[in-house]
Amino acid sequence: MVMLRTVIFDMDGTLGDTLPLCVEAFRACVQEWTGRRPSAEEVVRYFGISDRGVLAALLGMQPDDPALPIRRLVHIYEKLHPVLAPAPFPGAVELLRTLRAEGYRLALVTGKEPYTAEPTLRVFGMERLFDDLAYGVPTHNCKAEQLAELRQRSGGDAQTLIYVGDAPSDIELAHRAGIRIINAAWAATAESMAAACTALKPDYRLTDFSELLPLIHSL
């Protein structure tokens, strides 16, 4: 019998309720830079690509433009973090530590780049809890590629891995990579995505974080 060995996590909306933080950081940065404050809907439209990609799209710039105010975005993000996302979901750190102690390999696959992923890992106390870290790129949502690479590195058997993510795109891209997906529906933003997530038929859908460890153990 093939056993689950690797648990892969998304970050925003999965390990912590950080989506409002992300949205506000982009809105504030764009407002500082241009005087125009974009709507939350405009910002969310670009989620899936990395920080530089989102900021460049909002400002009408190129992600590799040296003038792109990515450092200002990071400063705003870090300043707002203790206010808008001071801690991960209750039990998240304990779950990761338990899984590591039990011999699971833990990976983080996120659309963030290190610019904002690393501050969040520090605030959440998760800096040393992942064996693999895979970040986003500014040109496209690369999670399917990252998941496929993790699958290949684990020997190719999809039953040894599972991905935990909150967004409809997480479900779609996990399916594309041939990896099972647990739809994380415990964030405050989950209700707005419920219909889209359900329609994509995730392997599992959980609305309570406390249900995650028992499900992983059952697999």
Protein backbone atom coordinates (compact mmCIF):
# COMPACT_ATOMS: atom_id res chain seq x y z
CA MET A 1 0.00 0.00 0.00
CA VAL A 2 1.34 3.42 -1.04
CA MET A 3 1.51 5.85 1.87
CA LEU A 4 1.34 9.62 1.93
CA ARG A 5 4.82 11.02 2.54
CA THR A 6 4.78 14.68 1.45
CA VAL A 7 2.29 17.37 2.43
CA ILE A 8 2.45 20.55 0.36
CA PHE A 9 0.94 23.81 1.57
CA ASP A 10 -0.16 27.02 -0.07
CA MET A 11 0.42 30.08 2.12
CA ASP A 12 -2.18 32.86 1.80
CA GLY A 13 -5.58 31.75 3.04
CA THR A 14 -4.24 28.30 3.90
CA LEU A 15 -1.71 28.77 6.71
CA GLY A 16 -2.96 32.19 7.72
CA ASP A 17 -5.67 34.71 6.89
CA THR A 18 -3.23 36.90 4.96
CA LEU A 19 -5.27 37.77 1.86
CA PRO A 20 -6.62 41.03 3.35
CA LEU A 21 -3.01 41.96 4.20
CA CYS A 22 -1.85 41.28 0.64
CA VAL A 23 -4.68 43.30 -0.88
CA GLU A 24 -4.17 46.29 1.41
CA ALA A 25 -0.40 46.35 0.85
CA PHE A 26 -0.84 46.54 -2.93
CA ARG A 27 -3.58 49.16 -2.68
CA ALA A 28 -1.53 51.36 -0.35
CA CYS A 29 1.63 51.06 -2.44
CA VAL A 30 -0.14 51.93 -5.69
CA GLN A 31 -1.86 54.87 -4.00
CA GLU A 32 1.47 56.20 -2.75
CA TRP A 33 3.03 55.82 -6.19
CA THR A 34 0.22 57.16 -8.37
CA GLY A 35 -2.37 58.83 -6.15
CA ARG A 36 -4.94 56.29 -7.36
CA ARG A 37 -6.20 53.65 -4.96
CA PRO A 38 -7.17 50.47 -6.86
CA SER A 39 -10.17 48.45 -5.76
CA ALA A 40 -9.71 45.14 -3.97
CA GLU A 41 -11.27 43.42 -6.98
CA GLU A 42 -8.66 44.94 -9.28
CA VAL A 43 -5.84 43.69 -7.08
CA VAL A 44 -7.24 40.18 -6.63
CA ARG A 45 -7.63 39.84 -10.39
CA TYR A 46 -3.86 39.44 -10.69
CA PHE A 47 -3.33 36.99 -7.83
CA GLY A 48 -1.52 33.84 -8.90
CA ILE A 49 1.50 35.66 -10.28
CA SER A 50 4.17 36.91 -7.91
CA ASP A 51 4.49 40.18 -6.02
CA ARG A 52 6.48 41.87 -8.77
CA GLY A 53 4.01 40.68 -11.38
CA VAL A 54 0.97 41.99 -9.49
CA LEU A 55 2.59 45.32 -8.68
CA ALA A 56 3.81 45.78 -12.26
CA ALA A 57 0.36 45.01 -13.66
CA LEU A 58 -1.28 47.51 -11.30
CA LEU A 59 1.24 50.22 -12.21
CA GLY A 60 1.46 49.49 -15.95
CA MET A 61 5.15 48.64 -15.63
CA GLN A 62 7.38 45.66 -16.39
CA PRO A 63 8.29 43.31 -13.51
CA ASP A 64 12.01 43.72 -14.21
CA ASP A 65 11.84 47.54 -14.33
CA PRO A 66 14.42 48.82 -11.81
CA ALA A 67 11.99 51.63 -10.94
CA LEU A 68 9.30 49.19 -9.79
CA PRO A 69 8.69 50.10 -6.12
CA ILE A 70 8.92 46.53 -4.84
CA ARG A 71 10.93 47.57 -1.78
CA ARG A 72 8.23 50.05 -0.85
CA LEU A 73 5.61 47.32 -1.22
CA VAL A 74 7.61 45.06 1.09
CA HIS A 75 7.98 47.86 3.65
CA ILE A 76 4.21 48.44 3.67
CA TYR A 77 3.55 44.69 3.82
CA GLU A 78 5.85 44.22 6.80
CA LYS A 79 4.41 47.27 8.59
CA LEU A 80 0.82 46.04 8.16
CA HIS A 81 1.55 42.40 8.98
CA PRO A 82 1.30 42.66 12.80
CA VAL A 83 -1.98 44.54 12.43
CA LEU A 84 -3.78 42.60 9.69
CA ALA A 85 -2.22 39.13 10.07
CA PRO A 86 -0.44 38.88 13.41
CA ALA A 87 -0.60 35.08 13.64
CA PRO A 88 -1.33 32.01 11.53
CA PHE A 89 -4.52 30.03 11.87
CA PRO A 90 -4.79 28.51 15.36
CA GLY A 91 -3.00 25.18 15.43
CA ALA A 92 -1.06 25.71 12.17
CA VAL A 93 2.43 25.75 13.69
CA GLU A 94 1.58 22.79 15.92
CA LEU A 95 0.29 20.84 12.93
CA LEU A 96 3.47 21.44 10.94
CA ARG A 97 5.64 20.44 13.88
CA THR A 98 3.59 17.30 14.43
CA LEU A 99 3.85 16.26 10.79
CA ARG A 100 7.63 16.82 10.80
CA ALA A 101 7.99 14.77 13.98
CA GLU A 102 5.99 11.98 12.36
CA GLY A 103 8.35 11.88 9.39
CA TYR A 104 6.34 13.68 6.73
CA ARG A 105 8.18 15.88 4.25
CA LEU A 106 6.72 19.38 4.20
CA ALA A 107 6.76 21.74 1.22
CA LEU A 108 5.51 25.27 0.65
CA VAL A 109 4.27 26.15 -2.84
CA THR A 110 3.18 29.76 -3.02
CA GLY A 111 2.64 32.46 -5.61
CA LYS A 112 4.64 34.81 -3.39
CA GLU A 113 8.27 35.59 -3.99
CA PRO A 114 10.71 35.62 -1.06
CA TYR A 115 10.07 39.38 -0.73
CA THR A 116 6.81 38.72 1.11
CA ALA A 117 6.90 34.99 1.78
CA GLU A 118 9.88 35.22 4.11
CA PRO A 119 8.40 38.00 6.28
CA THR A 120 5.23 35.95 6.69
CA LEU A 121 7.18 32.83 7.63
CA ARG A 122 9.02 34.88 10.27
CA VAL A 123 5.87 36.45 11.72
CA PHE A 124 4.16 33.05 11.80
CA GLY A 125 7.18 31.27 13.34
CA MET A 126 7.45 28.85 10.42
CA GLU A 127 10.92 29.68 9.06
CA ARG A 128 12.43 26.25 9.71
CA LEU A 129 9.40 24.01 9.29
CA PHE A 130 9.52 23.34 5.53
CA ASP A 131 11.85 21.00 3.69
CA ASP A 132 11.10 22.57 0.30
CA LEU A 133 10.17 26.15 -0.61
CA ALA A 134 8.84 26.95 -4.08
CA TYR A 135 8.06 30.56 -4.94
CA GLY A 136 6.08 32.32 -7.66
CA VAL A 137 7.24 34.14 -10.78
CA PRO A 138 5.96 37.45 -12.19
CA THR A 139 4.91 36.12 -15.60
CA HIS A 140 2.39 33.38 -14.83
CA ASN A 141 0.99 31.10 -12.14
CA CYS A 142 3.67 28.41 -11.98
CA LYS A 143 2.21 26.20 -9.25
CA ALA A 144 1.43 23.31 -11.63
CA GLU A 145 5.09 23.22 -12.64
CA GLN A 146 6.25 23.37 -9.04
CA LEU A 147 3.87 20.61 -7.98
CA ALA A 148 4.92 18.44 -10.92
CA GLU A 149 8.57 18.92 -9.97
CA LEU A 150 7.88 17.90 -6.38
CA ARG A 151 6.03 14.83 -7.66
CA GLN A 152 8.97 13.89 -9.89
CA ARG A 153 11.44 14.36 -7.05
CA SER A 154 9.35 12.10 -4.82
CA GLY A 155 9.52 9.25 -7.33
CA GLY A 156 6.53 10.10 -9.49
CA ASP A 157 3.83 8.35 -7.46
CA ALA A 158 1.03 10.87 -6.99
CA GLN A 159 -0.37 8.99 -3.99
CA THR A 160 2.66 9.96 -1.90
CA LEU A 161 1.83 13.69 -2.07
CA ILE A 162 -1.09 15.95 -1.32
CA TYR A 163 -1.53 19.71 -1.73
CA VAL A 164 -3.46 21.95 0.66
CA GLY A 165 -4.70 25.18 -0.93
CA ASP A 166 -7.63 27.56 -0.71
CA ALA A 167 -8.16 29.04 -4.18
CA PRO A 168 -9.95 27.61 -7.24
CA SER A 169 -6.65 27.93 -9.12
CA ASP A 170 -4.98 25.70 -6.51
CA ILE A 171 -7.48 22.94 -7.30
CA GLU A 172 -7.13 23.35 -11.04
CA LEU A 173 -3.33 23.38 -10.99
CA ALA A 174 -3.10 20.42 -8.59
CA HIS A 175 -5.33 18.44 -10.95
CA ARG A 176 -3.07 19.46 -13.83
CA ALA A 177 -0.03 18.19 -11.93
CA GLY A 178 -1.85 14.95 -11.08
CA ILE A 179 -1.69 15.58 -7.33
CA ARG A 180 -4.55 15.25 -4.85
CA ILE A 181 -5.85 18.49 -3.38
CA ILE A 182 -7.40 19.38 -0.04
CA ASN A 183 -9.44 22.55 -0.50
CA ALA A 184 -8.71 24.71 2.54
CA ALA A 185 -12.02 26.47 3.19
CA TRP A 186 -11.42 27.79 6.69
CA ALA A 187 -10.36 31.40 5.96
CA ALA A 188 -12.73 34.36 6.17
CA THR A 189 -12.43 34.67 2.38
CA ALA A 190 -13.43 31.06 1.71
CA GLU A 191 -17.16 31.68 1.39
CA SER A 192 -16.69 33.92 -1.63
CA MET A 193 -14.83 31.12 -3.42
CA ALA A 194 -17.01 28.22 -2.26
CA ALA A 195 -19.04 27.75 -5.43
CA ALA A 196 -16.01 27.96 -7.72
CA CYS A 197 -13.99 25.56 -5.56
CA THR A 198 -16.79 23.01 -5.28
CA ALA A 199 -17.38 23.07 -9.03
CA LEU A 200 -13.75 22.07 -9.62
CA LYS A 201 -14.22 18.92 -7.53
CA PRO A 202 -11.31 18.92 -5.07
CA ASP A 203 -10.44 15.52 -3.63
CA TYR A 204 -11.32 16.83 -0.17
CA ARG A 205 -12.84 20.06 1.16
CA LEU A 206 -12.46 21.09 4.79
CA THR A 207 -14.05 24.08 6.51
CA ASP A 208 -12.32 23.64 9.86
CA PHE A 209 -8.53 23.68 10.28
CA SER A 210 -8.79 21.17 13.12
CA GLU A 211 -10.01 18.55 10.61
CA LEU A 212 -6.78 18.67 8.61
CA LEU A 213 -4.49 16.52 10.75
CA PRO A 214 -7.00 13.65 11.14
CA LEU A 215 -7.56 13.64 7.38
CA ILE A 216 -3.83 13.54 6.67
CA HIS A 217 -3.43 10.66 9.12
CA SER A 218 -6.23 8.77 7.35
CA LEU A 219 -4.37 8.96 4.06
